[in-house]
């Protein structure tokens, strides 16, 4: 990315985050984003089709960085903790940092582009883990090949995780973000609801 494009992306990120934290994302207009970023509408449309898609794109970039370590997770943790213990907390810390943005993207569920971004990123990370450690999966049912079997398992886990995050957001209990009190409690709850075969805990 050339320096000029990088500056534009930086300005767009700051603008959409500020606007999305101040009002429902559905109410944010292209003109508002362009004005706040100091660009033209034409320039905006070179980066996104709508403010919702722009927001989802930038949130997705952050989540991609958070999910990258999943590619190197072992099949088992060697402890009573799940291999997903810290990745789950990192994802929830991201949501907590942008709690007002995510809340303003709910009506009552997350708006399509933002929800799709979360689901797609979580599923991609989980699928990578499952492809590296196929032995952790329960046996496929007759009539379903291994690839479809894995994708069904991943879809269940990914959509369930995002639905749990939406419920956490609705609860309004994200107050102590810096202390991670709410993050830890939410992460433990989501992990407790996850399929046991997935978690990679060492059994005593």
N, C-alpha and C. Protein backbone atom coordinates (compact mmCIF):
# COMPACT_ATOMS: atom_id res chain seq x y z
N UNK A 1 0.85 -1.19 0.00
CA UNK A 1 0.00 0.00 0.00
C UNK A 1 0.88 1.25 0.00
N UNK A 2 0.61 2.16 -0.93
CA UNK A 2 1.45 3.36 -1.00
C UNK A 2 1.09 4.31 0.15
N UNK A 3 2.00 5.26 0.48
CA UNK A 3 1.78 6.14 1.64
C UNK A 3 0.48 6.93 1.58
N UNK A 4 0.12 7.39 0.38
CA UNK A 4 -1.12 8.18 0.27
C UNK A 4 -2.33 7.32 0.60
N UNK A 5 -2.36 6.11 0.08
CA UNK A 5 -3.48 5.22 0.36
C UNK A 5 -3.50 4.83 1.84
N UNK A 6 -2.32 4.65 2.42
CA UNK A 6 -2.24 4.32 3.85
C UNK A 6 -2.80 5.46 4.69
N UNK A 7 -2.49 6.71 4.32
CA UNK A 7 -3.03 7.86 5.06
C UNK A 7 -4.55 7.92 4.94
N UNK A 8 -5.06 7.64 3.74
CA UNK A 8 -6.51 7.64 3.55
C UNK A 8 -7.17 6.57 4.40
N UNK A 9 -6.57 5.38 4.40
CA UNK A 9 -7.13 4.28 5.20
C UNK A 9 -7.12 4.64 6.69
N UNK A 10 -6.05 5.26 7.13
CA UNK A 10 -5.95 5.66 8.54
C UNK A 10 -7.03 6.69 8.89
N UNK A 11 -7.23 7.66 7.99
CA UNK A 11 -8.26 8.68 8.21
C UNK A 11 -9.65 8.06 8.21
N UNK A 12 -9.89 7.12 7.31
CA UNK A 12 -11.19 6.45 7.25
C UNK A 12 -11.44 5.63 8.51
N UNK A 13 -10.41 4.95 8.97
CA UNK A 13 -10.57 4.16 10.19
C UNK A 13 -10.95 5.04 11.38
N UNK A 14 -10.22 6.14 11.55
CA UNK A 14 -10.51 7.04 12.66
C UNK A 14 -11.91 7.61 12.53
N UNK A 15 -12.30 7.97 11.32
CA UNK A 15 -13.62 8.58 11.10
C UNK A 15 -14.75 7.59 11.39
N UNK A 16 -14.66 6.39 10.84
CA UNK A 16 -15.76 5.45 11.00
C UNK A 16 -15.85 4.97 12.44
N UNK A 17 -14.72 4.81 13.11
CA UNK A 17 -14.76 4.40 14.52
C UNK A 17 -15.40 5.50 15.38
N UNK A 18 -15.04 6.74 15.12
CA UNK A 18 -15.61 7.84 15.90
C UNK A 18 -17.12 7.97 15.66
N UNK A 19 -17.52 7.92 14.42
CA UNK A 19 -18.94 8.05 14.10
C UNK A 19 -19.75 6.87 14.59
N UNK A 20 -19.21 5.66 14.43
CA UNK A 20 -19.94 4.46 14.85
C UNK A 20 -20.05 4.35 16.36
N UNK A 21 -19.14 4.99 17.08
CA UNK A 21 -19.24 5.00 18.55
C UNK A 21 -20.24 6.04 19.04
N UNK A 22 -20.57 7.01 18.19
CA UNK A 22 -21.43 8.11 18.60
C UNK A 22 -22.89 7.92 18.22
N UNK A 23 -23.17 7.03 17.26
CA UNK A 23 -24.55 6.86 16.79
C UNK A 23 -24.70 5.48 16.15
N UNK A 24 -25.92 5.02 15.97
CA UNK A 24 -26.12 3.73 15.30
C UNK A 24 -25.46 3.74 13.92
N UNK A 25 -24.79 2.67 13.59
CA UNK A 25 -24.08 2.62 12.31
C UNK A 25 -25.06 2.75 11.14
N UNK A 26 -26.29 2.31 11.33
CA UNK A 26 -27.29 2.43 10.26
C UNK A 26 -27.59 3.89 9.94
N UNK A 27 -27.32 4.80 10.89
CA UNK A 27 -27.59 6.22 10.68
C UNK A 27 -26.40 6.99 10.13
N UNK A 28 -25.26 6.35 10.05
CA UNK A 28 -24.05 7.02 9.57
C UNK A 28 -24.09 7.07 8.04
N UNK A 29 -23.86 8.24 7.49
CA UNK A 29 -23.92 8.40 6.03
C UNK A 29 -22.53 8.45 5.43
N UNK A 30 -22.47 8.20 4.13
CA UNK A 30 -21.21 8.32 3.40
C UNK A 30 -20.69 9.74 3.51
N UNK A 31 -21.58 10.72 3.41
CA UNK A 31 -21.16 12.12 3.48
C UNK A 31 -20.50 12.42 4.83
N UNK A 32 -21.05 11.89 5.91
CA UNK A 32 -20.46 12.10 7.24
C UNK A 32 -19.05 11.53 7.31
N UNK A 33 -18.90 10.30 6.83
CA UNK A 33 -17.59 9.65 6.89
C UNK A 33 -16.58 10.42 6.03
N UNK A 34 -16.98 10.79 4.82
CA UNK A 34 -16.07 11.52 3.93
C UNK A 34 -15.64 12.84 4.56
N UNK A 35 -16.61 13.54 5.15
CA UNK A 35 -16.30 14.83 5.77
C UNK A 35 -15.35 14.65 6.95
N UNK A 36 -15.62 13.66 7.80
CA UNK A 36 -14.78 13.43 8.97
C UNK A 36 -13.38 12.97 8.58
N UNK A 37 -13.28 12.23 7.47
CA UNK A 37 -11.97 11.72 7.03
C UNK A 37 -11.23 12.72 6.15
N UNK A 38 -11.90 13.79 5.73
CA UNK A 38 -11.28 14.78 4.87
C UNK A 38 -11.04 14.28 3.46
N UNK A 39 -11.99 13.48 2.95
CA UNK A 39 -11.88 12.93 1.60
C UNK A 39 -13.16 13.21 0.84
N UNK A 40 -13.16 12.88 -0.43
CA UNK A 40 -14.37 13.03 -1.24
C UNK A 40 -15.21 11.76 -1.16
N UNK A 41 -16.47 11.87 -1.56
CA UNK A 41 -17.33 10.69 -1.63
C UNK A 41 -16.78 9.67 -2.62
N UNK A 42 -16.24 10.14 -3.72
CA UNK A 42 -15.66 9.22 -4.71
C UNK A 42 -14.53 8.40 -4.09
N UNK A 43 -13.72 9.06 -3.27
CA UNK A 43 -12.63 8.34 -2.61
C UNK A 43 -13.18 7.32 -1.63
N UNK A 44 -14.24 7.69 -0.91
CA UNK A 44 -14.86 6.72 0.00
C UNK A 44 -15.25 5.45 -0.76
N UNK A 45 -15.90 5.62 -1.90
CA UNK A 45 -16.41 4.47 -2.64
C UNK A 45 -15.29 3.61 -3.25
N UNK A 46 -14.08 4.11 -3.24
CA UNK A 46 -12.96 3.27 -3.66
C UNK A 46 -12.56 2.30 -2.56
N UNK A 47 -13.05 2.55 -1.35
CA UNK A 47 -12.68 1.72 -0.20
C UNK A 47 -13.82 0.87 0.33
N UNK A 48 -15.06 1.29 0.12
CA UNK A 48 -16.20 0.53 0.64
C UNK A 48 -17.48 0.96 -0.06
N UNK A 49 -18.49 0.10 0.00
CA UNK A 49 -19.77 0.43 -0.61
C UNK A 49 -20.69 1.17 0.34
N UNK A 50 -20.55 0.92 1.64
CA UNK A 50 -21.39 1.58 2.65
C UNK A 50 -20.56 1.80 3.91
N UNK A 51 -21.00 2.70 4.80
CA UNK A 51 -20.31 2.84 6.09
C UNK A 51 -20.30 1.53 6.89
N UNK A 52 -21.37 0.75 6.82
CA UNK A 52 -21.40 -0.53 7.53
C UNK A 52 -20.30 -1.46 7.04
N UNK A 53 -20.13 -1.52 5.71
CA UNK A 53 -19.09 -2.38 5.17
C UNK A 53 -17.69 -1.85 5.50
N UNK A 54 -17.53 -0.54 5.53
CA UNK A 54 -16.24 0.04 5.91
C UNK A 54 -15.91 -0.33 7.36
N UNK A 55 -16.88 -0.18 8.24
CA UNK A 55 -16.68 -0.53 9.65
C UNK A 55 -16.32 -2.00 9.78
N UNK A 56 -17.07 -2.84 9.10
CA UNK A 56 -16.81 -4.28 9.17
C UNK A 56 -15.40 -4.61 8.67
N UNK A 57 -14.97 -3.92 7.64
CA UNK A 57 -13.64 -4.16 7.08
C UNK A 57 -12.55 -3.86 8.10
N UNK A 58 -12.66 -2.72 8.77
CA UNK A 58 -11.62 -2.35 9.74
C UNK A 58 -11.67 -3.25 10.98
N UNK A 59 -12.85 -3.57 11.45
CA UNK A 59 -12.96 -4.50 12.58
C UNK A 59 -12.37 -5.86 12.18
N UNK A 60 -12.64 -6.26 10.95
CA UNK A 60 -12.11 -7.54 10.46
C UNK A 60 -10.60 -7.57 10.45
N UNK A 61 -9.97 -6.47 10.08
CA UNK A 61 -8.51 -6.41 10.09
C UNK A 61 -7.96 -6.63 11.49
N UNK A 62 -8.62 -6.03 12.49
CA UNK A 62 -8.18 -6.24 13.87
C UNK A 62 -8.36 -7.69 14.29
N UNK A 63 -9.50 -8.27 13.93
CA UNK A 63 -9.77 -9.65 14.32
C UNK A 63 -8.79 -10.60 13.64
N UNK A 64 -8.44 -10.33 12.38
CA UNK A 64 -7.47 -11.16 11.68
C UNK A 64 -6.17 -11.25 12.47
N UNK A 65 -5.70 -10.12 12.98
CA UNK A 65 -4.46 -10.11 13.75
C UNK A 65 -4.61 -10.91 15.04
N UNK A 66 -5.79 -10.82 15.66
CA UNK A 66 -6.03 -11.56 16.90
C UNK A 66 -6.11 -13.06 16.67
N UNK A 67 -6.69 -13.45 15.53
CA UNK A 67 -6.92 -14.86 15.26
C UNK A 67 -5.69 -15.56 14.70
N UNK A 68 -4.69 -14.82 14.26
CA UNK A 68 -3.50 -15.42 13.64
C UNK A 68 -2.85 -16.49 14.50
N UNK A 69 -2.70 -16.29 15.84
CA UNK A 69 -2.04 -17.32 16.65
C UNK A 69 -2.76 -18.67 16.66
N UNK A 70 -4.04 -18.71 16.29
CA UNK A 70 -4.76 -19.99 16.28
C UNK A 70 -4.09 -20.97 15.32
N UNK A 71 -3.43 -20.45 14.29
CA UNK A 71 -2.77 -21.32 13.32
C UNK A 71 -1.69 -22.18 13.97
N UNK A 72 -1.22 -21.78 15.15
CA UNK A 72 -0.14 -22.52 15.81
C UNK A 72 -0.57 -23.18 17.11
N UNK A 73 -1.86 -23.24 17.37
CA UNK A 73 -2.33 -23.88 18.60
C UNK A 73 -2.10 -25.38 18.56
N UNK A 74 -1.72 -25.99 19.68
CA UNK A 74 -1.60 -27.44 19.73
C UNK A 74 -2.99 -28.08 19.82
N UNK A 75 -3.06 -29.37 19.63
CA UNK A 75 -4.34 -30.07 19.75
C UNK A 75 -4.81 -30.09 21.18
N UNK A 76 -3.89 -30.20 22.12
CA UNK A 76 -4.24 -30.19 23.55
C UNK A 76 -3.37 -29.18 24.28
N UNK A 77 -3.88 -28.67 25.38
CA UNK A 77 -3.19 -27.61 26.11
C UNK A 77 -2.14 -28.12 27.09
N UNK A 78 -2.28 -29.38 27.50
CA UNK A 78 -1.38 -29.90 28.52
C UNK A 78 -1.80 -29.49 29.92
N UNK A 79 -2.90 -28.76 30.02
CA UNK A 79 -3.42 -28.32 31.32
C UNK A 79 -4.94 -28.51 31.32
N UNK A 80 -5.56 -28.10 32.43
CA UNK A 80 -7.02 -28.19 32.51
C UNK A 80 -7.70 -27.07 31.73
N UNK A 81 -6.92 -26.10 31.23
CA UNK A 81 -7.48 -25.02 30.43
C UNK A 81 -7.65 -25.46 28.98
N UNK A 82 -8.59 -24.83 28.29
CA UNK A 82 -8.78 -25.08 26.87
C UNK A 82 -7.65 -24.44 26.06
N UNK A 83 -7.34 -25.04 24.90
CA UNK A 83 -6.38 -24.40 24.00
C UNK A 83 -6.92 -23.05 23.51
N UNK A 84 -8.24 -22.88 23.58
CA UNK A 84 -8.86 -21.63 23.13
C UNK A 84 -9.05 -20.63 24.26
N UNK A 85 -8.50 -20.92 25.42
CA UNK A 85 -8.70 -20.05 26.58
C UNK A 85 -8.25 -18.62 26.29
N UNK A 86 -7.00 -18.45 25.86
CA UNK A 86 -6.50 -17.10 25.60
C UNK A 86 -7.05 -16.50 24.30
N UNK A 87 -7.15 -17.27 23.20
CA UNK A 87 -7.77 -16.68 22.00
C UNK A 87 -9.19 -16.17 22.24
N UNK A 88 -9.96 -16.89 23.05
CA UNK A 88 -11.31 -16.43 23.35
C UNK A 88 -11.28 -15.11 24.09
N UNK A 89 -10.38 -14.99 25.05
CA UNK A 89 -10.25 -13.73 25.79
C UNK A 89 -9.80 -12.59 24.88
N UNK A 90 -8.89 -12.87 23.97
CA UNK A 90 -8.43 -11.83 23.06
C UNK A 90 -9.57 -11.32 22.18
N UNK A 91 -10.40 -12.23 21.69
CA UNK A 91 -11.54 -11.82 20.88
C UNK A 91 -12.49 -10.95 21.70
N UNK A 92 -12.76 -11.37 22.94
CA UNK A 92 -13.68 -10.60 23.78
C UNK A 92 -13.07 -9.27 24.23
N UNK A 93 -11.76 -9.23 24.41
CA UNK A 93 -11.12 -7.94 24.72
C UNK A 93 -11.29 -6.97 23.55
N UNK A 94 -11.16 -7.50 22.33
CA UNK A 94 -11.40 -6.67 21.14
C UNK A 94 -12.82 -6.11 21.16
N UNK A 95 -13.81 -6.96 21.42
CA UNK A 95 -15.20 -6.50 21.47
C UNK A 95 -15.38 -5.47 22.58
N UNK A 96 -14.77 -5.73 23.73
CA UNK A 96 -14.91 -4.81 24.86
C UNK A 96 -14.28 -3.45 24.56
N UNK A 97 -13.13 -3.46 23.87
CA UNK A 97 -12.48 -2.19 23.51
C UNK A 97 -13.38 -1.35 22.62
N UNK A 98 -14.16 -2.02 21.78
CA UNK A 98 -15.04 -1.32 20.84
C UNK A 98 -16.51 -1.55 21.22
N UNK A 99 -16.77 -1.65 22.52
CA UNK A 99 -18.11 -2.02 22.98
C UNK A 99 -19.18 -1.08 22.43
N UNK A 100 -18.95 0.23 22.47
CA UNK A 100 -19.98 1.16 22.01
C UNK A 100 -20.21 1.03 20.51
N UNK A 101 -19.16 0.77 19.78
CA UNK A 101 -19.30 0.56 18.33
C UNK A 101 -20.15 -0.68 18.06
N UNK A 102 -19.83 -1.77 18.74
CA UNK A 102 -20.61 -2.99 18.54
C UNK A 102 -22.06 -2.81 19.00
N UNK A 103 -22.26 -2.13 20.11
CA UNK A 103 -23.63 -1.87 20.58
C UNK A 103 -24.40 -1.04 19.57
N UNK A 104 -23.74 -0.07 18.96
CA UNK A 104 -24.40 0.78 17.96
C UNK A 104 -24.60 0.07 16.62
N UNK A 105 -24.05 -1.13 16.52
CA UNK A 105 -24.24 -1.93 15.31
C UNK A 105 -25.29 -3.02 15.53
N UNK A 106 -25.99 -2.98 16.67
CA UNK A 106 -26.99 -3.99 16.99
C UNK A 106 -28.39 -3.42 16.88
N UNK A 107 -29.32 -4.24 16.30
CA UNK A 107 -30.71 -3.78 16.16
C UNK A 107 -31.69 -4.93 15.89
N UNK A 108 -31.91 -5.90 16.75
CA UNK A 108 -31.22 -6.18 18.03
C UNK A 108 -29.98 -7.03 17.85
N UNK A 109 -29.81 -7.70 16.68
CA UNK A 109 -28.58 -8.43 16.41
C UNK A 109 -27.60 -7.50 15.70
N UNK A 110 -26.36 -7.92 15.62
CA UNK A 110 -25.37 -7.14 14.89
C UNK A 110 -25.79 -7.00 13.44
N UNK A 111 -25.57 -5.83 12.89
CA UNK A 111 -25.88 -5.59 11.49
C UNK A 111 -25.14 -6.59 10.60
N UNK A 112 -25.72 -6.92 9.46
CA UNK A 112 -25.20 -7.98 8.61
C UNK A 112 -23.70 -7.96 8.35
N UNK A 113 -23.14 -6.87 7.81
CA UNK A 113 -21.70 -6.87 7.51
C UNK A 113 -20.82 -7.08 8.74
N UNK A 114 -21.20 -6.49 9.87
CA UNK A 114 -20.39 -6.64 11.08
C UNK A 114 -20.51 -8.06 11.62
N UNK A 115 -21.73 -8.59 11.64
CA UNK A 115 -21.90 -9.96 12.12
C UNK A 115 -21.19 -10.95 11.21
N UNK A 116 -21.32 -10.76 9.92
CA UNK A 116 -20.66 -11.66 8.97
C UNK A 116 -19.14 -11.63 9.16
N UNK A 117 -18.60 -10.47 9.44
CA UNK A 117 -17.16 -10.35 9.67
C UNK A 117 -16.73 -11.17 10.87
N UNK A 118 -17.47 -11.04 11.97
CA UNK A 118 -17.15 -11.82 13.16
C UNK A 118 -17.26 -13.31 12.89
N UNK A 119 -18.38 -13.73 12.31
CA UNK A 119 -18.59 -15.15 12.05
C UNK A 119 -17.51 -15.69 11.11
N UNK A 120 -17.25 -14.97 10.02
CA UNK A 120 -16.27 -15.44 9.04
C UNK A 120 -14.88 -15.58 9.65
N UNK A 121 -14.48 -14.61 10.47
CA UNK A 121 -13.14 -14.66 11.07
C UNK A 121 -13.04 -15.78 12.09
N UNK A 122 -14.05 -15.93 12.92
CA UNK A 122 -14.02 -17.01 13.91
C UNK A 122 -14.00 -18.36 13.20
N UNK A 123 -14.85 -18.52 12.20
CA UNK A 123 -14.90 -19.79 11.48
C UNK A 123 -13.57 -20.08 10.78
N UNK A 124 -12.96 -19.07 10.19
CA UNK A 124 -11.68 -19.28 9.50
C UNK A 124 -10.61 -19.77 10.47
N UNK A 125 -10.56 -19.17 11.67
CA UNK A 125 -9.58 -19.59 12.66
C UNK A 125 -9.84 -21.01 13.14
N UNK A 126 -11.09 -21.32 13.39
CA UNK A 126 -11.44 -22.66 13.86
C UNK A 126 -11.18 -23.71 12.79
N UNK A 127 -11.47 -23.37 11.53
CA UNK A 127 -11.24 -24.33 10.45
C UNK A 127 -9.75 -24.60 10.29
N UNK A 128 -8.93 -23.57 10.42
CA UNK A 128 -7.48 -23.75 10.37
C UNK A 128 -7.03 -24.73 11.45
N UNK A 129 -7.55 -24.55 12.67
CA UNK A 129 -7.19 -25.43 13.78
C UNK A 129 -7.63 -26.86 13.51
N UNK A 130 -8.82 -27.02 13.00
CA UNK A 130 -9.35 -28.35 12.75
C UNK A 130 -8.61 -29.04 11.61
N UNK A 131 -8.20 -28.27 10.61
CA UNK A 131 -7.43 -28.86 9.51
C UNK A 131 -6.05 -29.31 9.96
N UNK A 132 -5.47 -28.59 10.93
CA UNK A 132 -4.16 -28.99 11.47
C UNK A 132 -4.28 -30.18 12.40
N UNK A 133 -5.44 -30.31 13.06
CA UNK A 133 -5.62 -31.38 14.05
C UNK A 133 -6.93 -32.13 13.77
N UNK A 134 -7.05 -32.78 12.63
CA UNK A 134 -8.31 -33.45 12.29
C UNK A 134 -8.68 -34.56 13.26
N UNK A 135 -7.70 -35.05 14.01
CA UNK A 135 -7.97 -36.15 14.94
C UNK A 135 -8.87 -35.73 16.11
N UNK A 136 -9.02 -34.43 16.34
CA UNK A 136 -9.86 -34.00 17.47
C UNK A 136 -11.34 -34.07 17.13
N UNK A 137 -11.69 -34.13 15.86
CA UNK A 137 -13.10 -34.09 15.45
C UNK A 137 -13.79 -35.40 15.76
N UNK A 138 -15.07 -35.35 16.13
CA UNK A 138 -15.83 -36.59 16.27
C UNK A 138 -16.00 -37.24 14.90
N UNK A 139 -16.28 -38.54 14.84
CA UNK A 139 -16.40 -39.22 13.55
C UNK A 139 -17.50 -38.59 12.69
N UNK A 140 -17.24 -38.53 11.38
CA UNK A 140 -18.25 -38.03 10.44
C UNK A 140 -19.39 -39.03 10.33
N UNK A 141 -20.58 -38.51 10.12
CA UNK A 141 -21.74 -39.37 9.95
C UNK A 141 -21.75 -39.95 8.53
N UNK A 142 -22.33 -41.13 8.35
CA UNK A 142 -22.41 -41.70 6.99
C UNK A 142 -23.10 -40.73 6.03
N UNK A 143 -22.53 -40.58 4.85
CA UNK A 143 -23.12 -39.71 3.84
C UNK A 143 -22.57 -38.30 3.85
N UNK A 144 -21.69 -37.96 4.80
CA UNK A 144 -21.08 -36.62 4.86
C UNK A 144 -19.57 -36.78 4.74
N UNK A 145 -18.97 -36.16 3.71
CA UNK A 145 -17.53 -36.30 3.55
C UNK A 145 -16.80 -35.44 4.60
N UNK A 146 -15.50 -35.67 4.72
CA UNK A 146 -14.73 -35.03 5.78
C UNK A 146 -14.76 -33.50 5.69
N UNK A 147 -14.66 -32.97 4.46
CA UNK A 147 -14.65 -31.51 4.32
C UNK A 147 -15.97 -30.90 4.78
N UNK A 148 -17.09 -31.47 4.34
CA UNK A 148 -18.40 -30.94 4.77
C UNK A 148 -18.58 -31.13 6.27
N UNK A 149 -18.13 -32.28 6.77
CA UNK A 149 -18.21 -32.56 8.21
C UNK A 149 -17.49 -31.47 9.00
N UNK A 150 -16.27 -31.13 8.59
CA UNK A 150 -15.51 -30.09 9.29
C UNK A 150 -16.20 -28.74 9.21
N UNK A 151 -16.75 -28.41 8.05
CA UNK A 151 -17.39 -27.11 7.88
C UNK A 151 -18.67 -26.99 8.72
N UNK A 152 -19.39 -28.08 8.86
CA UNK A 152 -20.58 -28.06 9.72
C UNK A 152 -20.17 -27.84 11.18
N UNK A 153 -19.14 -28.54 11.62
CA UNK A 153 -18.66 -28.37 13.00
C UNK A 153 -18.21 -26.93 13.25
N UNK A 154 -17.48 -26.38 12.29
CA UNK A 154 -16.96 -25.01 12.41
C UNK A 154 -18.10 -23.99 12.39
N UNK A 155 -19.09 -24.21 11.52
CA UNK A 155 -20.22 -23.28 11.44
C UNK A 155 -20.98 -23.25 12.76
N UNK A 156 -21.16 -24.40 13.37
CA UNK A 156 -21.86 -24.48 14.66
C UNK A 156 -21.10 -23.70 15.72
N UNK A 157 -19.78 -23.93 15.79
CA UNK A 157 -18.98 -23.26 16.81
C UNK A 157 -18.86 -21.77 16.55
N UNK A 158 -18.68 -21.38 15.29
CA UNK A 158 -18.51 -19.96 14.96
C UNK A 158 -19.75 -19.15 15.20
N UNK A 159 -20.89 -19.61 14.69
CA UNK A 159 -22.14 -18.88 14.88
C UNK A 159 -22.56 -18.85 16.34
N UNK A 160 -22.30 -19.95 17.04
CA UNK A 160 -22.63 -19.99 18.46
C UNK A 160 -21.82 -18.98 19.25
N UNK A 161 -20.53 -18.87 18.91
CA UNK A 161 -19.67 -17.90 19.60
C UNK A 161 -20.16 -16.48 19.38
N UNK A 162 -20.51 -16.14 18.15
CA UNK A 162 -20.96 -14.78 17.85
C UNK A 162 -22.31 -14.50 18.50
N UNK A 163 -23.20 -15.47 18.53
CA UNK A 163 -24.49 -15.27 19.22
C UNK A 163 -24.26 -15.03 20.70
N UNK A 164 -23.29 -15.74 21.28
CA UNK A 164 -22.97 -15.53 22.70
C UNK A 164 -22.41 -14.13 22.92
N UNK A 165 -21.59 -13.65 22.00
CA UNK A 165 -21.04 -12.29 22.11
C UNK A 165 -22.17 -11.27 22.03
N UNK A 166 -23.14 -11.50 21.15
CA UNK A 166 -24.27 -10.58 21.05
C UNK A 166 -25.04 -10.53 22.37
N UNK A 167 -25.23 -11.67 23.00
CA UNK A 167 -25.94 -11.70 24.28
C UNK A 167 -25.13 -10.98 25.36
N UNK A 168 -23.82 -11.16 25.33
CA UNK A 168 -22.94 -10.46 26.27
C UNK A 168 -23.06 -8.95 26.08
N UNK A 169 -23.09 -8.50 24.85
CA UNK A 169 -23.25 -7.08 24.57
C UNK A 169 -24.59 -6.57 25.09
N UNK A 170 -25.64 -7.34 24.87
CA UNK A 170 -26.97 -6.92 25.33
C UNK A 170 -27.04 -6.80 26.85
N UNK A 171 -26.24 -7.58 27.55
CA UNK A 171 -26.30 -7.58 29.02
C UNK A 171 -25.84 -6.27 29.61
N UNK A 172 -25.03 -5.50 28.85
CA UNK A 172 -24.55 -4.22 29.35
C UNK A 172 -23.56 -4.34 30.48
N UNK A 173 -22.85 -5.49 30.57
CA UNK A 173 -21.94 -5.73 31.69
C UNK A 173 -20.48 -5.65 31.27
N UNK A 174 -20.15 -4.73 30.38
CA UNK A 174 -18.79 -4.61 29.89
C UNK A 174 -18.05 -3.48 30.61
N UNK A 175 -18.47 -3.15 31.80
CA UNK A 175 -17.95 -1.97 32.48
C UNK A 175 -16.47 -2.01 32.82
N UNK A 176 -15.99 -3.12 33.39
CA UNK A 176 -14.61 -3.17 33.88
C UNK A 176 -13.69 -3.78 32.82
N UNK A 177 -13.61 -3.09 31.68
CA UNK A 177 -12.85 -3.63 30.55
C UNK A 177 -11.37 -3.75 30.89
N UNK A 178 -10.79 -2.72 31.53
CA UNK A 178 -9.36 -2.73 31.80
C UNK A 178 -8.96 -3.84 32.75
N UNK A 179 -9.84 -4.17 33.68
CA UNK A 179 -9.54 -5.23 34.63
C UNK A 179 -9.85 -6.61 34.10
N UNK A 180 -10.48 -6.69 32.94
CA UNK A 180 -10.80 -7.97 32.30
C UNK A 180 -11.75 -8.82 33.14
N UNK A 181 -12.42 -8.23 34.14
CA UNK A 181 -13.33 -9.02 34.97
C UNK A 181 -14.45 -9.59 34.11
N UNK A 182 -15.11 -8.75 33.36
CA UNK A 182 -16.22 -9.20 32.53
C UNK A 182 -15.73 -10.07 31.37
N UNK A 183 -14.57 -9.76 30.84
CA UNK A 183 -14.01 -10.56 29.76
C UNK A 183 -13.76 -11.98 30.23
N UNK A 184 -13.13 -12.13 31.38
CA UNK A 184 -12.84 -13.46 31.89
C UNK A 184 -14.11 -14.26 32.14
N UNK A 185 -15.10 -13.62 32.74
CA UNK A 185 -16.35 -14.33 33.03
C UNK A 185 -17.05 -14.75 31.75
N UNK A 186 -17.09 -13.86 30.77
CA UNK A 186 -17.73 -14.18 29.49
C UNK A 186 -16.97 -15.27 28.77
N UNK A 187 -15.64 -15.19 28.78
CA UNK A 187 -14.83 -16.21 28.10
C UNK A 187 -15.04 -17.57 28.74
N UNK A 188 -15.05 -17.63 30.06
CA UNK A 188 -15.27 -18.91 30.74
C UNK A 188 -16.64 -19.48 30.40
N UNK A 189 -17.64 -18.60 30.31
CA UNK A 189 -18.99 -19.05 30.00
C UNK A 189 -19.08 -19.62 28.59
N UNK A 190 -18.48 -18.92 27.63
CA UNK A 190 -18.53 -19.38 26.24
C UNK A 190 -17.77 -20.69 26.10
N UNK A 191 -16.60 -20.80 26.73
CA UNK A 191 -15.83 -22.03 26.66
C UNK A 191 -16.59 -23.18 27.32
N UNK A 192 -17.27 -22.89 28.44
CA UNK A 192 -18.04 -23.93 29.11
C UNK A 192 -19.17 -24.46 28.23
N UNK A 193 -19.68 -23.62 27.34
CA UNK A 193 -20.76 -24.02 26.44
C UNK A 193 -20.26 -24.72 25.19
N UNK A 194 -18.95 -24.71 24.97
CA UNK A 194 -18.37 -25.28 23.74
C UNK A 194 -18.29 -26.80 23.83
N UNK A 195 -18.31 -27.48 22.69
CA UNK A 195 -18.20 -28.95 22.69
C UNK A 195 -16.90 -29.40 23.34
N UNK A 196 -16.97 -30.39 24.20
CA UNK A 196 -15.80 -30.85 24.95
C UNK A 196 -14.68 -31.33 24.04
N UNK A 197 -15.03 -32.00 22.94
CA UNK A 197 -14.00 -32.55 22.06
C UNK A 197 -13.14 -31.47 21.42
N UNK A 198 -13.69 -30.25 21.33
CA UNK A 198 -13.01 -29.15 20.64
C UNK A 198 -11.95 -28.50 21.51
N UNK A 199 -12.14 -28.56 22.83
CA UNK A 199 -11.43 -27.64 23.71
C UNK A 199 -9.97 -27.98 23.95
N UNK A 200 -9.58 -29.23 23.79
CA UNK A 200 -8.17 -29.59 23.93
C UNK A 200 -7.64 -29.52 25.34
N UNK A 201 -8.51 -29.81 26.30
CA UNK A 201 -8.03 -29.87 27.69
C UNK A 201 -7.36 -31.21 27.94
N UNK A 202 -6.37 -31.21 28.84
CA UNK A 202 -5.79 -32.48 29.27
C UNK A 202 -6.64 -33.03 30.41
N UNK A 203 -7.01 -34.28 30.29
CA UNK A 203 -7.87 -34.89 31.30
C UNK A 203 -7.00 -35.57 32.35
N UNK A 204 -7.44 -35.44 33.60
CA UNK A 204 -6.70 -36.08 34.69
C UNK A 204 -7.09 -37.54 34.82
